């Protein structure tokens, strides 16, 4: 009699454990999907806005180059000055790349480790 009751308790515990693992796996899949979708949408929104800003910067740099060229009396000088400015900016960003990575990692870790 006691053995049958013990056996039923073991079977119930096994069923409960399997159910818990099944639901935990489903929850984990949903959590990973939520995190991935949040990161993907942030990436695409950033890429879209960034590409528009890049296009605007490109057109504005041509306008500034042409205006500087008119002021200096030679259009080539204007384009050379703007190009040198962008090269210096690129070198500065390369030199500070590790300091630039830190805020990016912090930003994405908020979404990855979000507990809600």
C-alpha atoms as a PDB file:
ATOM      1  CA  UNK A   1       0.000   0.000   0.000  1.00  0.00           C
ATOM      2  CA  UNK A   2       2.718   2.479   0.985  1.00  0.00           C
ATOM      3  CA  UNK A   3       4.724   1.372  -2.032  1.00  0.00           C
ATOM      4  CA  UNK A   4       1.795   2.185  -4.412  1.00  0.00           C
ATOM      5  CA  UNK A   5       1.398   5.638  -2.868  1.00  0.00           C
ATOM      6  CA  UNK A   6       5.145   6.261  -3.163  1.00  0.00           C
ATOM      7  CA  UNK A   7       5.025   5.126  -6.796  1.00  0.00           C
ATOM      8  CA  UNK A   8       2.159   7.546  -7.561  1.00  0.00           C
ATOM      9  CA  UNK A   9       4.068  10.393  -5.914  1.00  0.00           C
ATOM     10  CA  UNK A  10       7.127   9.625  -8.043  1.00  0.00           C
ATOM     11  CA  UNK A  11       5.005   9.538 -11.217  1.00  0.00           C
ATOM     12  CA  UNK A  12       3.382  12.876 -10.312  1.00  0.00           C
ATOM     13  CA  UNK A  13       6.789  14.440  -9.583  1.00  0.00           C
ATOM     14  CA  UNK A  14       8.095  13.176 -12.916  1.00  0.00           C
ATOM     15  CA  UNK A  15       5.048  14.590 -14.742  1.00  0.00           C
ATOM     16  CA  UNK A  16       5.407  17.934 -12.966  1.00  0.00           C
ATOM     17  CA  UNK A  17       9.127  18.113 -13.751  1.00  0.00           C
ATOM     18  CA  UNK A  18       8.563  17.338 -17.430  1.00  0.00           C
ATOM     19  CA  UNK A  19       5.785  19.947 -17.609  1.00  0.00           C
ATOM     20  CA  UNK A  20       8.027  22.539 -15.946  1.00  0.00           C
ATOM     21  CA  UNK A  21      10.865  21.843 -18.392  1.00  0.00           C
ATOM     22  CA  UNK A  22       8.490  22.041 -21.368  1.00  0.00           C
ATOM     23  CA  UNK A  23       7.114  25.422 -20.284  1.00  0.00           C
ATOM     24  CA  UNK A  24      10.572  26.708 -19.367  1.00  0.00           C
ATOM     25  CA  UNK A  25      11.800  25.849 -22.849  1.00  0.00           C
ATOM     26  CA  UNK A  26       8.838  27.657 -24.421  1.00  0.00           C
ATOM     27  CA  UNK A  27       9.453  30.700 -22.233  1.00  0.00           C
ATOM     28  CA  UNK A  28      13.117  30.722 -23.159  1.00  0.00           C
ATOM     29  CA  UNK A  29      12.292  30.564 -26.870  1.00  0.00           C
ATOM     30  CA  UNK A  30       9.904  33.516 -26.511  1.00  0.00           C
ATOM     31  CA  UNK A  31      12.454  35.486 -24.503  1.00  0.00           C
ATOM     32  CA  UNK A  32      15.185  34.909 -27.115  1.00  0.00           C
ATOM     33  CA  UNK A  33      12.755  35.880 -29.894  1.00  0.00           C
ATOM     34  CA  UNK A  34      11.839  39.081 -28.041  1.00  0.00           C
ATOM     35  CA  UNK A  35      15.477  40.031 -27.560  1.00  0.00           C
ATOM     36  CA  UNK A  36      16.436  39.245 -31.147  1.00  0.00           C
ATOM     37  CA  UNK A  37      13.505  41.157 -32.607  1.00  0.00           C
ATOM     38  CA  UNK A  38      14.244  44.171 -30.438  1.00  0.00           C
ATOM     39  CA  UNK A  39      17.889  44.143 -31.564  1.00  0.00           C
ATOM     40  CA  UNK A  40      16.944  43.609 -35.232  1.00  0.00           C
ATOM     41  CA  UNK A  41      14.462  46.489 -35.200  1.00  0.00           C
ATOM     42  CA  UNK A  42      16.979  48.775 -33.501  1.00  0.00           C
ATOM     43  CA  UNK A  43      19.577  47.810 -36.100  1.00  0.00           C
ATOM     44  CA  UNK A  44      17.290  48.478 -39.060  1.00  0.00           C
ATOM     45  CA  UNK A  45      15.972  51.738 -37.639  1.00  0.00           C
ATOM     46  CA  UNK A  46      19.510  52.908 -37.006  1.00  0.00           C
ATOM     47  CA  UNK A  47      20.596  51.824 -40.487  1.00  0.00           C
ATOM     48  CA  UNK A  48      17.660  53.635 -42.094  1.00  0.00           C
ATOM     49  CA  UNK A  49      18.154  56.881 -40.199  1.00  0.00           C
ATOM     50  CA  UNK A  50      21.924  56.617 -40.580  1.00  0.00           C
ATOM     51  CA  UNK A  51      21.708  56.156 -44.335  1.00  0.00           C
ATOM     52  CA  UNK A  52      19.472  59.228 -44.666  1.00  0.00           C
ATOM     53  CA  UNK A  53      21.850  61.270 -42.527  1.00  0.00           C
ATOM     54  CA  UNK A  54      24.791  60.004 -44.578  1.00  0.00           C
ATOM     55  CA  UNK A  55      23.083  61.060 -47.789  1.00  0.00           C
ATOM     56  CA  UNK A  56      22.348  64.495 -46.319  1.00  0.00           C
ATOM     57  CA  UNK A  57      25.972  64.807 -45.160  1.00  0.00           C
ATOM     58  CA  UNK A  58      27.185  63.859 -48.633  1.00  0.00           C
ATOM     59  CA  UNK A  59      25.076  66.521 -50.350  1.00  0.00           C
ATOM     60  CA  UNK A  60      25.974  69.121 -47.715  1.00  0.00           C
ATOM     61  CA  UNK A  61      29.689  68.373 -48.058  1.00  0.00           C
ATOM     62  CA  UNK A  62      29.461  68.922 -51.819  1.00  0.00           C
ATOM     63  CA  UNK A  63      27.729  72.259 -51.194  1.00  0.00           C
ATOM     64  CA  UNK A  64      30.347  73.309 -48.621  1.00  0.00           C
ATOM     65  CA  UNK A  65      33.174  72.198 -50.908  1.00  0.00           C
ATOM     66  CA  UNK A  66      31.785  74.208 -53.789  1.00  0.00           C
ATOM     67  CA  UNK A  67      31.197  77.273 -51.579  1.00  0.00           C
ATOM     68  CA  UNK A  68      34.743  77.104 -50.164  1.00  0.00           C
ATOM     69  CA  UNK A  69      36.054  76.768 -53.689  1.00  0.00           C
ATOM     70  CA  UNK A  70      34.202  79.901 -54.732  1.00  0.00           C
ATOM     71  CA  UNK A  71      35.575  81.839 -51.757  1.00  0.00           C
ATOM     72  CA  UNK A  72      39.151  80.617 -52.385  1.00  0.00           C
ATOM     73  CA  UNK A  73      38.898  81.177 -56.133  1.00  0.00           C
ATOM     74  CA  UNK A  74      39.522  77.523 -57.017  1.00  0.00           C
ATOM     75  CA  UNK A  75      36.880  74.808 -56.663  1.00  0.00           C
ATOM     76  CA  UNK A  76      39.539  72.128 -56.237  1.00  0.00           C
ATOM     77  CA  UNK A  77      40.772  73.791 -53.021  1.00  0.00           C
ATOM     78  CA  UNK A  78      37.294  73.607 -51.489  1.00  0.00           C
ATOM     79  CA  UNK A  79      36.980  69.912 -52.236  1.00  0.00           C
ATOM     80  CA  UNK A  80      40.506  69.263 -50.926  1.00  0.00           C
ATOM     81  CA  UNK A  81      39.771  71.047 -47.636  1.00  0.00           C
ATOM     82  CA  UNK A  82      36.520  69.161 -47.061  1.00  0.00           C
ATOM     83  CA  UNK A  83      38.188  65.856 -47.966  1.00  0.00           C
ATOM     84  CA  UNK A  84      41.048  66.550 -45.541  1.00  0.00           C
ATOM     85  CA  UNK A  85      38.491  67.337 -42.821  1.00  0.00           C
ATOM     86  CA  UNK A  86      36.755  63.981 -43.352  1.00  0.00           C
ATOM     87  CA  UNK A  87      40.086  62.135 -43.353  1.00  0.00           C
ATOM     88  CA  UNK A  88      41.047  63.756 -40.043  1.00  0.00           C
ATOM     89  CA  UNK A  89      37.629  62.873 -38.641  1.00  0.00           C
ATOM     90  CA  UNK A  90      38.086  59.250 -39.745  1.00  0.00           C
ATOM     91  CA  UNK A  91      41.532  59.078 -38.114  1.00  0.00           C
ATOM     92  CA  UNK A  92      40.112  60.514 -34.899  1.00  0.00           C
ATOM     93  CA  UNK A  93      37.322  57.932 -34.870  1.00  0.00           C
ATOM     94  CA  UNK A  94      39.835  55.160 -35.495  1.00  0.00           C
ATOM     95  CA  UNK A  95      41.966  56.378 -32.599  1.00  0.00           C
ATOM     96  CA  UNK A  96      38.926  56.509 -30.281  1.00  0.00           C
ATOM     97  CA  UNK A  97      37.306  53.269 -31.474  1.00  0.00           C
ATOM     98  CA  UNK A  98      37.575  51.534 -28.083  1.00  0.00           C
ATOM     99  CA  UNK A  99      35.899  54.443 -26.315  1.00  0.00           C
ATOM    100  CA  UNK A 100      33.177  54.459 -28.965  1.00  0.00           C
ATOM    101  CA  UNK A 101      32.506  50.718 -28.488  1.00  0.00           C
ATOM    102  CA  UNK A 102      31.810  51.018 -24.759  1.00  0.00           C
ATOM    103  CA  UNK A 103      28.535  53.022 -25.047  1.00  0.00           C
ATOM    104  CA  UNK A 104      27.351  50.811 -27.908  1.00  0.00           C
ATOM    105  CA  UNK A 105      27.875  47.659 -25.853  1.00  0.00           C
ATOM    106  CA  UNK A 106      26.163  49.266 -22.856  1.00  0.00           C
ATOM    107  CA  UNK A 107      23.188  50.268 -25.013  1.00  0.00           C
ATOM    108  CA  UNK A 108      22.630  46.792 -26.443  1.00  0.00           C
ATOM    109  CA  UNK A 109      23.273  45.029 -23.128  1.00  0.00           C
ATOM    110  CA  UNK A 110      20.238  46.835 -21.691  1.00  0.00           C
ATOM    111  CA  UNK A 111      18.047  45.070 -24.236  1.00  0.00           C
ATOM    112  CA  UNK A 112      19.816  41.734 -23.982  1.00  0.00           C
ATOM    113  CA  UNK A 113      19.718  41.498 -20.192  1.00  0.00           C
ATOM    114  CA  UNK A 114      16.253  43.053 -19.794  1.00  0.00           C
ATOM    115  CA  UNK A 115      14.511  41.011 -17.127  1.00  0.00           C
ATOM    116  CA  UNK A 116      10.915  41.817 -18.140  1.00  0.00           C
END
